[in-house]
Amino acid sequence: MHQIQKKLTKLSQTHDLRSLGLRQIARMIGENHPQKIKYHMQKMGILEEQSKSKINMSDSQLIPIPLVGLANCGEATIYAESYDDQLLQVSKRVIPSKNKDLFAVQAVGDSMNQANVDGNNIEDGDYVIVDPNDKDFKNGDYVLSLINEMANIKKFSKDIQNKQVILLSESTENYPPIYIHEDDLSYFMASGKVVAILKSPKKNKKEIVFVKDDKK
C-alpha cells in the first residue's frame, strides 16, 4: 500500500474522510498536493461522496472550474499546487466535457506551443482544462501528470515493444522526450487528460473571471 494510502487509512479511523475537503485532508496528513490525495482516495474507492471538495454546478451557463496551480510544459520542475482556491468561470459552450470534476492548471513554458487541442495550441500562460476521471490514455492524447511530484503537460505515447511510456513535446524549439520504463511508473502519476485550452487574456480578448472559492 502506498504511504499516502496508509496515512488516509489511519486518518479514516478517527475522521469521516467523505466530510472533509481535499486540501484539509492534505494538511492533516502532511501532504502538499490535494490532487495526490484525490488520486489515492479514488484508488481506495472513498471519493464518491467528497461533497466539500466538489463545486456545485447549478443551471447557470457558467461552470466554476478550480484553478489548482502551475504545470510545466518542459521539464517537470514545478509543483502543481501553488494557487489558493481560485476558480475560473467558464461558459458551458467552451468546455466539451460534462464531467463535474474538471480542474485547470496554468501552463508554463513553450514546449507545447505546437500542440493541437481542438485547434488550440498550449502557450505560456494559457489555462489547461483537465478531466481527472479520464486516465485511459491513448497514443496522441495530451495529458497532465506528476513526475516526482512535479506537474507536467505532454503528449502521451506508449511504446509497448520497449515497455515504456514516452512523453513528447510539440514545440517550435527542440525539447527532448521524457522516457519512463514500466518498472518506474510509480514515479509517473497520471492526473488526467487535457480536454480544452483557454488562451491567456494576454493573447485572447475573451474575458476570464476569477472568483474566490470559500467552500472548503
C-alpha atoms as a PDB file:
ATOM      1  CA  MET A   1       0.000   0.000   0.000  1.00  0.00           C
ATOM      2  CA  HIS A   2       1.251   3.476  -0.880  1.00  0.00           C
ATOM      3  CA  GLN A   3       2.379   5.663   2.030  1.00  0.00           C
ATOM      4  CA  ILE A   4      -0.378   8.200   1.349  1.00  0.00           C
ATOM      5  CA  GLN A   5      -2.980   5.429   1.393  1.00  0.00           C
ATOM      6  CA  LYS A   6      -1.613   4.230   4.731  1.00  0.00           C
ATOM      7  CA  LYS A   7      -1.981   7.774   6.115  1.00  0.00           C
ATOM      8  CA  LEU A   8      -5.514   8.002   4.742  1.00  0.00           C
ATOM      9  CA  THR A   9      -6.425   4.669   6.284  1.00  0.00           C
ATOM     10  CA  LYS A  10      -5.127   5.800   9.663  1.00  0.00           C
ATOM     11  CA  LEU A  11      -6.949   9.135   9.395  1.00  0.00           C
ATOM     12  CA  SER A  12     -10.194   7.367   8.471  1.00  0.00           C
ATOM     13  CA  GLN A  13     -10.149   5.643  11.858  1.00  0.00           C
ATOM     14  CA  THR A  14     -10.799   8.977  13.583  1.00  0.00           C
ATOM     15  CA  HIS A  15     -12.408  11.124  10.842  1.00  0.00           C
ATOM     16  CA  ASP A  16     -15.070  10.739   8.171  1.00  0.00           C
ATOM     17  CA  LEU A  17     -12.981  11.426   5.053  1.00  0.00           C
ATOM     18  CA  ARG A  18     -16.111  11.962   2.965  1.00  0.00           C
ATOM     19  CA  SER A  19     -16.978  15.006   5.050  1.00  0.00           C
ATOM     20  CA  LEU A  20     -13.578  16.665   4.615  1.00  0.00           C
ATOM     21  CA  GLY A  21     -12.182  18.732   1.756  1.00  0.00           C
ATOM     22  CA  LEU A  22      -9.158  17.532  -0.194  1.00  0.00           C
ATOM     23  CA  ARG A  23      -6.985  20.432   0.947  1.00  0.00           C
ATOM     24  CA  GLN A  24      -7.994  19.844   4.553  1.00  0.00           C
ATOM     25  CA  ILE A  25      -7.105  16.151   4.306  1.00  0.00           C
ATOM     26  CA  ALA A  26      -3.774  17.011   2.676  1.00  0.00           C
ATOM     27  CA  ARG A  27      -2.891  19.322   5.572  1.00  0.00           C
ATOM     28  CA  MET A  28      -3.952  16.747   8.158  1.00  0.00           C
ATOM     29  CA  ILE A  29      -1.648  14.053   6.791  1.00  0.00           C
ATOM     30  CA  GLY A  30       1.244  16.364   5.977  1.00  0.00           C
ATOM     31  CA  GLU A  31       0.936  16.423   2.193  1.00  0.00           C
ATOM     32  CA  ASN A  32       1.091  19.477  -0.068  1.00  0.00           C
ATOM     33  CA  HIS A  33      -0.838  18.278  -3.105  1.00  0.00           C
ATOM     34  CA  PRO A  34      -4.647  17.829  -2.936  1.00  0.00           C
ATOM     35  CA  GLN A  35      -4.629  16.188  -6.378  1.00  0.00           C
ATOM     36  CA  LYS A  36      -2.450  13.415  -4.977  1.00  0.00           C
ATOM     37  CA  ILE A  37      -4.969  12.956  -2.165  1.00  0.00           C
ATOM     38  CA  LYS A  38      -7.771  12.780  -4.727  1.00  0.00           C
ATOM     39  CA  TYR A  39      -5.877  10.207  -6.785  1.00  0.00           C
ATOM     40  CA  HIS A  40      -5.280   7.893  -3.839  1.00  0.00           C
ATOM     41  CA  MET A  41      -8.810   8.289  -2.475  1.00  0.00           C
ATOM     42  CA  GLN A  42     -10.102   7.283  -5.907  1.00  0.00           C
ATOM     43  CA  LYS A  43      -7.826   4.237  -5.827  1.00  0.00           C
ATOM     44  CA  MET A  44      -9.226   3.360  -2.406  1.00  0.00           C
ATOM     45  CA  GLY A  45     -12.826   3.896  -3.566  1.00  0.00           C
ATOM     46  CA  ILE A  46     -13.717   6.531  -0.962  1.00  0.00           C
ATOM     47  CA  LEU A  47     -14.055   9.689  -3.048  1.00  0.00           C
ATOM     48  CA  GLU A  48     -17.588   9.485  -4.427  1.00  0.00           C
ATOM     49  CA  GLU A  49     -19.165  11.442  -1.573  1.00  0.00           C
ATOM     50  CA  GLN A  50     -16.380  14.014  -1.241  1.00  0.00           C
ATOM     51  CA  SER A  51     -19.009  16.721  -1.120  1.00  0.00           C
ATOM     52  CA  LYS A  52     -16.922  19.563   0.273  1.00  0.00           C
ATOM     53  CA  SER A  53     -14.288  19.257  -2.431  1.00  0.00           C
ATOM     54  CA  LYS A  54     -16.794  19.380  -5.280  1.00  0.00           C
ATOM     55  CA  ILE A  55     -18.022  22.581  -6.868  1.00  0.00           C
ATOM     56  CA  ASN A  56     -21.786  22.956  -7.014  1.00  0.00           C
ATOM     57  CA  MET A  57     -22.785  23.135 -10.680  1.00  0.00           C
ATOM     58  CA  SER A  58     -26.214  24.740 -10.949  1.00  0.00           C
ATOM     59  CA  ASP A  59     -28.223  25.602 -14.023  1.00  0.00           C
ATOM     60  CA  SER A  60     -26.012  28.628 -14.610  1.00  0.00           C
ATOM     61  CA  GLN A  61     -24.408  28.936 -18.026  1.00  0.00           C
ATOM     62  CA  LEU A  62     -21.055  29.438 -16.301  1.00  0.00           C
ATOM     63  CA  ILE A  63     -19.092  26.484 -14.954  1.00  0.00           C
ATOM     64  CA  PRO A  64     -16.754  27.132 -11.980  1.00  0.00           C
ATOM     65  CA  ILE A  65     -13.502  25.236 -12.535  1.00  0.00           C
ATOM     66  CA  PRO A  66     -10.851  25.091  -9.763  1.00  0.00           C
ATOM     67  CA  LEU A  67      -7.504  26.566 -10.826  1.00  0.00           C
ATOM     68  CA  VAL A  68      -5.089  24.431  -8.821  1.00  0.00           C
ATOM     69  CA  GLY A  69      -1.757  25.865  -9.903  1.00  0.00           C
ATOM     70  CA  LEU A  70       1.032  25.803 -12.470  1.00  0.00           C
ATOM     71  CA  ALA A  71       2.188  22.985 -14.743  1.00  0.00           C
ATOM     72  CA  ASN A  72       5.412  22.968 -16.698  1.00  0.00           C
ATOM     73  CA  CYS A  73       5.362  22.266 -20.422  1.00  0.00           C
ATOM     74  CA  GLY A  74       9.083  21.499 -20.491  1.00  0.00           C
ATOM     75  CA  GLU A  75      10.932  19.563 -17.836  1.00  0.00           C
ATOM     76  CA  ALA A  76       8.922  18.551 -14.778  1.00  0.00           C
ATOM     77  CA  THR A  77      10.199  21.251 -12.437  1.00  0.00           C
ATOM     78  CA  ILE A  78       7.094  22.895 -10.937  1.00  0.00           C
ATOM     79  CA  TYR A  79       4.869  21.699  -8.123  1.00  0.00           C
ATOM     80  CA  ALA A  80       1.221  21.717  -9.216  1.00  0.00           C
ATOM     81  CA  GLU A  81      -0.347  23.180  -6.075  1.00  0.00           C
ATOM     82  CA  SER A  82       0.578  26.842  -5.898  1.00  0.00           C
ATOM     83  CA  TYR A  83      -2.692  28.780  -6.228  1.00  0.00           C
ATOM     84  CA  ASP A  84      -5.032  29.489  -3.346  1.00  0.00           C
ATOM     85  CA  ASP A  85      -8.626  28.444  -4.047  1.00  0.00           C
ATOM     86  CA  GLN A  86      -9.108  30.357  -7.296  1.00  0.00           C
ATOM     87  CA  LEU A  87     -11.845  29.476  -9.769  1.00  0.00           C
ATOM     88  CA  LEU A  88     -12.219  30.006 -13.481  1.00  0.00           C
ATOM     89  CA  GLN A  89     -15.758  30.880 -14.512  1.00  0.00           C
ATOM     90  CA  VAL A  90     -16.175  29.375 -17.974  1.00  0.00           C
ATOM     91  CA  SER A  91     -19.139  29.210 -20.351  1.00  0.00           C
ATOM     92  CA  LYS A  92     -20.567  25.722 -20.793  1.00  0.00           C
ATOM     93  CA  ARG A  93     -20.216  26.100 -24.550  1.00  0.00           C
ATOM     94  CA  VAL A  94     -16.444  26.427 -24.180  1.00  0.00           C
ATOM     95  CA  ILE A  95     -15.898  23.127 -22.338  1.00  0.00           C
ATOM     96  CA  PRO A  96     -16.602  19.875 -24.227  1.00  0.00           C
ATOM     97  CA  SER A  97     -16.587  17.592 -21.186  1.00  0.00           C
ATOM     98  CA  LYS A  98     -19.685  17.155 -18.989  1.00  0.00           C
ATOM     99  CA  ASN A  99     -17.580  15.925 -16.081  1.00  0.00           C
ATOM    100  CA  LYS A 100     -18.117  17.936 -12.871  1.00  0.00           C
ATOM    101  CA  ASP A 101     -14.622  17.232 -11.568  1.00  0.00           C
ATOM    102  CA  LEU A 102     -12.731  19.276 -14.168  1.00  0.00           C
ATOM    103  CA  PHE A 103      -9.851  21.389 -12.921  1.00  0.00           C
ATOM    104  CA  ALA A 104      -7.383  23.776 -14.541  1.00  0.00           C
ATOM    105  CA  VAL A 105      -3.660  24.441 -14.443  1.00  0.00           C
ATOM    106  CA  GLN A 106      -1.783  27.347 -15.969  1.00  0.00           C
ATOM    107  CA  ALA A 107       0.877  26.370 -18.495  1.00  0.00           C
ATOM    108  CA  VAL A 108       4.482  27.477 -18.057  1.00  0.00           C
ATOM    109  CA  GLY A 109       6.946  27.327 -20.947  1.00  0.00           C
ATOM    110  CA  ASP A 110       6.763  26.871 -24.717  1.00  0.00           C
ATOM    111  CA  SER A 111       7.432  23.163 -25.227  1.00  0.00           C
ATOM    112  CA  MET A 112       3.787  22.508 -26.242  1.00  0.00           C
ATOM    113  CA  ASN A 113       3.253  25.567 -28.455  1.00  0.00           C
ATOM    114  CA  GLN A 114       2.667  23.306 -31.488  1.00  0.00           C
ATOM    115  CA  ALA A 115       0.130  21.062 -29.746  1.00  0.00           C
ATOM    116  CA  ASN A 116      -3.382  20.815 -31.167  1.00  0.00           C
ATOM    117  CA  VAL A 117      -6.241  20.505 -28.686  1.00  0.00           C
ATOM    118  CA  ASP A 118      -9.387  21.201 -30.722  1.00  0.00           C
ATOM    119  CA  GLY A 119      -7.450  23.720 -32.775  1.00  0.00           C
ATOM    120  CA  ASN A 120      -5.672  25.397 -29.837  1.00  0.00           C
ATOM    121  CA  ASN A 121      -2.002  25.124 -29.012  1.00  0.00           C
ATOM    122  CA  ILE A 122      -0.616  25.439 -25.469  1.00  0.00           C
ATOM    123  CA  GLU A 123       1.396  28.590 -24.913  1.00  0.00           C
ATOM    124  CA  ASP A 124       2.966  30.050 -21.804  1.00  0.00           C
ATOM    125  CA  GLY A 125       0.202  31.432 -19.556  1.00  0.00           C
ATOM    126  CA  ASP A 126      -2.676  29.513 -21.153  1.00  0.00           C
ATOM    127  CA  TYR A 127      -5.203  27.702 -18.962  1.00  0.00           C
ATOM    128  CA  VAL A 128      -5.277  23.938 -19.499  1.00  0.00           C
ATOM    129  CA  ILE A 129      -8.526  22.162 -18.573  1.00  0.00           C
ATOM    130  CA  VAL A 130      -8.051  18.617 -17.299  1.00  0.00           C
ATOM    131  CA  ASP A 131     -10.513  15.739 -16.860  1.00  0.00           C
ATOM    132  CA  PRO A 132      -9.150  13.760 -13.872  1.00  0.00           C
ATOM    133  CA  ASN A 133     -11.574  10.902 -14.492  1.00  0.00           C
ATOM    134  CA  ASP A 134     -10.151  10.167 -17.945  1.00  0.00           C
ATOM    135  CA  LYS A 135      -6.919   8.244 -17.436  1.00  0.00           C
ATOM    136  CA  ASP A 136      -7.345   5.654 -20.165  1.00  0.00           C
ATOM    137  CA  PHE A 137      -4.690   7.408 -22.218  1.00  0.00           C
ATOM    138  CA  LYS A 138      -4.267   6.611 -25.894  1.00  0.00           C
ATOM    139  CA  ASN A 139      -1.329   7.449 -28.100  1.00  0.00           C
ATOM    140  CA  GLY A 140      -1.606  11.093 -29.110  1.00  0.00           C
ATOM    141  CA  ASP A 141      -3.570  12.229 -26.053  1.00  0.00           C
ATOM    142  CA  TYR A 142      -2.352  15.307 -24.199  1.00  0.00           C
ATOM    143  CA  VAL A 143      -2.010  14.556 -20.510  1.00  0.00           C
ATOM    144  CA  LEU A 144      -1.215  16.180 -17.198  1.00  0.00           C
ATOM    145  CA  SER A 145       0.990  14.052 -14.997  1.00  0.00           C
ATOM    146  CA  LEU A 146       3.081  14.285 -11.862  1.00  0.00           C
ATOM    147  CA  ILE A 147       6.689  13.177 -12.272  1.00  0.00           C
ATOM    148  CA  ASN A 148       8.499  13.044  -8.948  1.00  0.00           C
ATOM    149  CA  GLU A 149       5.600  15.189  -7.672  1.00  0.00           C
ATOM    150  CA  MET A 150       6.214  17.866 -10.343  1.00  0.00           C
ATOM    151  CA  ALA A 151       3.383  18.831 -12.725  1.00  0.00           C
ATOM    152  CA  ASN A 152       3.981  18.351 -16.425  1.00  0.00           C
ATOM    153  CA  ILE A 153       1.938  18.642 -19.659  1.00  0.00           C
ATOM    154  CA  LYS A 154       2.962  16.387 -22.553  1.00  0.00           C
ATOM    155  CA  LYS A 155       1.749  14.272 -25.463  1.00  0.00           C
ATOM    156  CA  PHE A 156       1.327  10.642 -24.409  1.00  0.00           C
ATOM    157  CA  SER A 157       2.823   7.706 -26.294  1.00  0.00           C
ATOM    158  CA  LYS A 158       3.037   4.109 -25.112  1.00  0.00           C
ATOM    159  CA  ASP A 159       5.957   2.104 -26.504  1.00  0.00           C
ATOM    160  CA  ILE A 160       4.789  -1.465 -25.909  1.00  0.00           C
ATOM    161  CA  GLN A 161       7.792  -3.057 -27.570  1.00  0.00           C
ATOM    162  CA  ASN A 162      10.255  -1.365 -25.227  1.00  0.00           C
ATOM    163  CA  LYS A 163       7.913  -1.416 -22.203  1.00  0.00           C
ATOM    164  CA  GLN A 164       7.944   2.307 -21.645  1.00  0.00           C
ATOM    165  CA  VAL A 165       5.857   5.465 -21.733  1.00  0.00           C
ATOM    166  CA  ILE A 166       7.177   8.380 -23.766  1.00  0.00           C
ATOM    167  CA  LEU A 167       6.056  11.934 -23.001  1.00  0.00           C
ATOM    168  CA  LEU A 168       6.598  14.132 -26.034  1.00  0.00           C
ATOM    169  CA  SER A 169       6.915  17.864 -26.558  1.00  0.00           C
ATOM    170  CA  GLU A 170       5.386  19.603 -29.578  1.00  0.00           C
ATOM    171  CA  SER A 171       7.243  22.853 -29.949  1.00  0.00           C
ATOM    172  CA  THR A 172       8.979  25.266 -32.281  1.00  0.00           C
ATOM    173  CA  GLU A 173      12.015  24.599 -30.089  1.00  0.00           C
ATOM    174  CA  ASN A 174      13.843  21.307 -29.616  1.00  0.00           C
ATOM    175  CA  TYR A 175      12.847  19.624 -26.350  1.00  0.00           C
ATOM    176  CA  PRO A 176      13.870  16.014 -25.650  1.00  0.00           C
ATOM    177  CA  PRO A 177      11.185  13.442 -24.768  1.00  0.00           C
ATOM    178  CA  ILE A 178      10.748  12.013 -21.273  1.00  0.00           C
ATOM    179  CA  TYR A 179      11.106   8.209 -21.129  1.00  0.00           C
ATOM    180  CA  ILE A 180       9.563   6.229 -18.266  1.00  0.00           C
ATOM    181  CA  HIS A 181      10.073   2.472 -18.087  1.00  0.00           C
ATOM    182  CA  GLU A 182       7.099   0.419 -16.919  1.00  0.00           C
ATOM    183  CA  ASP A 183       9.029  -0.591 -13.799  1.00  0.00           C
ATOM    184  CA  ASP A 184       9.328   3.106 -12.845  1.00  0.00           C
ATOM    185  CA  LEU A 185       5.699   4.088 -13.415  1.00  0.00           C
ATOM    186  CA  SER A 186       5.295   4.672  -9.681  1.00  0.00           C
ATOM    187  CA  TYR A 187       7.126   7.956 -10.334  1.00  0.00           C
ATOM    188  CA  PHE A 188       4.574   8.848 -13.037  1.00  0.00           C
ATOM    189  CA  MET A 189       1.197   9.769 -11.559  1.00  0.00           C
ATOM    190  CA  ALA A 190      -1.464  10.341 -14.200  1.00  0.00           C
ATOM    191  CA  SER A 191      -3.569  13.350 -13.217  1.00  0.00           C
ATOM    192  CA  GLY A 192      -5.899  13.357 -16.213  1.00  0.00           C
ATOM    193  CA  LYS A 193      -6.449  14.057 -19.879  1.00  0.00           C
ATOM    194  CA  VAL A 194      -6.307  17.565 -21.315  1.00  0.00           C
ATOM    195  CA  VAL A 195      -9.760  18.343 -22.751  1.00  0.00           C
ATOM    196  CA  ALA A 196      -9.615  22.067 -23.551  1.00  0.00           C
ATOM    197  CA  ILE A 197      -7.306  25.082 -23.707  1.00  0.00           C
ATOM    198  CA  LEU A 198      -8.346  28.584 -22.659  1.00  0.00           C
ATOM    199  CA  LYS A 199      -5.996  31.137 -24.153  1.00  0.00           C
ATOM    200  CA  SER A 200      -4.395  33.606 -21.781  1.00  0.00           C
ATOM    201  CA  PRO A 201      -6.133  37.030 -21.722  1.00  0.00           C
ATOM    202  CA  LYS A 202      -2.855  38.496 -22.966  1.00  0.00           C
ATOM    203  CA  LYS A 203      -3.316  36.519 -26.189  1.00  0.00           C
ATOM    204  CA  ASN A 204      -7.101  36.446 -26.383  1.00  0.00           C
ATOM    205  CA  LYS A 205      -9.690  39.171 -25.880  1.00  0.00           C
ATOM    206  CA  LYS A 206     -12.193  36.767 -24.288  1.00  0.00           C
ATOM    207  CA  GLU A 207     -12.728  37.635 -20.633  1.00  0.00           C
ATOM    208  CA  ILE A 208     -11.900  35.117 -17.914  1.00  0.00           C
ATOM    209  CA  VAL A 209     -13.340  35.812 -14.470  1.00  0.00           C
ATOM    210  CA  PHE A 210     -11.635  34.734 -11.225  1.00  0.00           C
ATOM    211  CA  VAL A 211     -13.572  34.217  -8.014  1.00  0.00           C
ATOM    212  CA  LYS A 212     -12.579  33.053  -4.558  1.00  0.00           C
ATOM    213  CA  ASP A 213     -13.695  29.569  -3.551  1.00  0.00           C
ATOM    214  CA  ASP A 214     -14.998  29.825   0.009  1.00  0.00           C
ATOM    215  CA  LYS A 215     -16.321  26.267   0.077  1.00  0.00           C
ATOM    216  CA  LYS A 216     -13.645  24.409   1.992  1.00  0.00           C
END
